[in-house]
């Protein structure tokens, strides 16, 4: 079996619940140790200028590899 990373990030997908993401982490052999939120940015054209705005927040879990 290939060596897994000790830490890995798992993103909660757009149509996925937090519980489903945590189950996916467990299936891959990781335990959540940290929850973060990252802003998703988008470019918006206002008055002929392009401005960057926050579209929404994306939930990210950092997982630690379970030792068996």
Protein backbone atom coordinates (compact mmCIF):
# COMPACT_ATOMS: atom_id res chain seq x y z
CA UNK A 1 0.00 0.00 0.00
CA UNK A 2 1.24 3.47 -0.83
CA UNK A 3 2.30 5.70 2.04
CA UNK A 4 -0.39 8.23 2.95
CA UNK A 5 0.34 11.78 4.00
CA UNK A 6 0.26 12.38 7.75
CA UNK A 7 -2.03 15.37 7.22
CA UNK A 8 -4.49 16.01 4.44
CA UNK A 9 -7.15 18.61 3.72
CA UNK A 10 -10.73 17.63 2.98
CA UNK A 11 -13.07 20.16 1.39
CA UNK A 12 -16.83 20.04 1.96
CA UNK A 13 -18.16 19.91 -1.60
CA UNK A 14 -21.00 22.13 -2.80
CA UNK A 15 -23.81 19.56 -2.47
CA UNK A 16 -22.29 17.61 0.44
CA UNK A 17 -23.14 17.77 4.13
CA UNK A 18 -20.48 18.15 6.80
CA UNK A 19 -21.33 14.66 8.09
CA UNK A 20 -20.75 13.19 4.63
CA UNK A 21 -17.34 14.88 4.46
CA UNK A 22 -16.42 13.55 7.91
CA UNK A 23 -17.50 10.04 6.85
CA UNK A 24 -15.33 10.37 3.74
CA UNK A 25 -12.38 11.35 5.96
CA UNK A 26 -12.96 8.30 8.17
CA UNK A 27 -13.20 6.00 5.12
CA UNK A 28 -9.82 7.32 3.95
CA UNK A 29 -8.28 6.69 7.39
CA UNK A 30 -8.14 10.26 8.72
CA UNK A 31 -9.43 11.90 11.88
CA UNK A 32 -10.46 15.58 11.84
CA UNK A 33 -8.20 17.80 13.94
CA UNK A 34 -9.04 21.26 12.62
CA UNK A 35 -11.96 23.03 10.92
CA UNK A 36 -11.30 26.10 8.80
CA UNK A 37 -13.28 28.36 6.51
CA UNK A 38 -11.71 29.81 3.37
CA UNK A 39 -13.22 32.67 1.37
CA UNK A 40 -14.08 31.96 -2.26
CA UNK A 41 -13.40 35.07 -4.31
CA UNK A 42 -15.00 36.24 -7.54
CA UNK A 43 -14.32 39.10 -9.92
CA UNK A 44 -17.14 41.61 -10.38
CA UNK A 45 -17.21 44.41 -12.91
CA UNK A 46 -18.46 47.68 -11.34
CA UNK A 47 -18.37 51.02 -13.11
CA UNK A 48 -15.95 49.66 -15.71
CA UNK A 49 -13.49 48.43 -13.05
CA UNK A 50 -12.93 44.84 -12.02
CA UNK A 51 -13.22 44.36 -8.27
CA UNK A 52 -12.68 41.23 -6.22
CA UNK A 53 -15.48 40.27 -3.80
CA UNK A 54 -16.06 37.35 -1.46
CA UNK A 55 -18.58 34.98 -3.05
CA UNK A 56 -19.00 32.57 -0.13
CA UNK A 57 -17.07 30.64 2.53
CA UNK A 58 -15.82 27.10 1.92
CA UNK A 59 -15.44 24.69 4.87
CA UNK A 60 -12.17 22.76 5.04
CA UNK A 61 -11.20 20.04 7.51
CA UNK A 62 -7.61 19.12 8.23
CA UNK A 63 -7.28 15.42 8.89
CA UNK A 64 -4.59 13.50 10.76
CA UNK A 65 -3.78 9.96 9.65
CA UNK A 66 -5.09 7.34 12.09
CA UNK A 67 -2.41 4.99 13.36
CA UNK A 68 -3.52 1.36 13.52
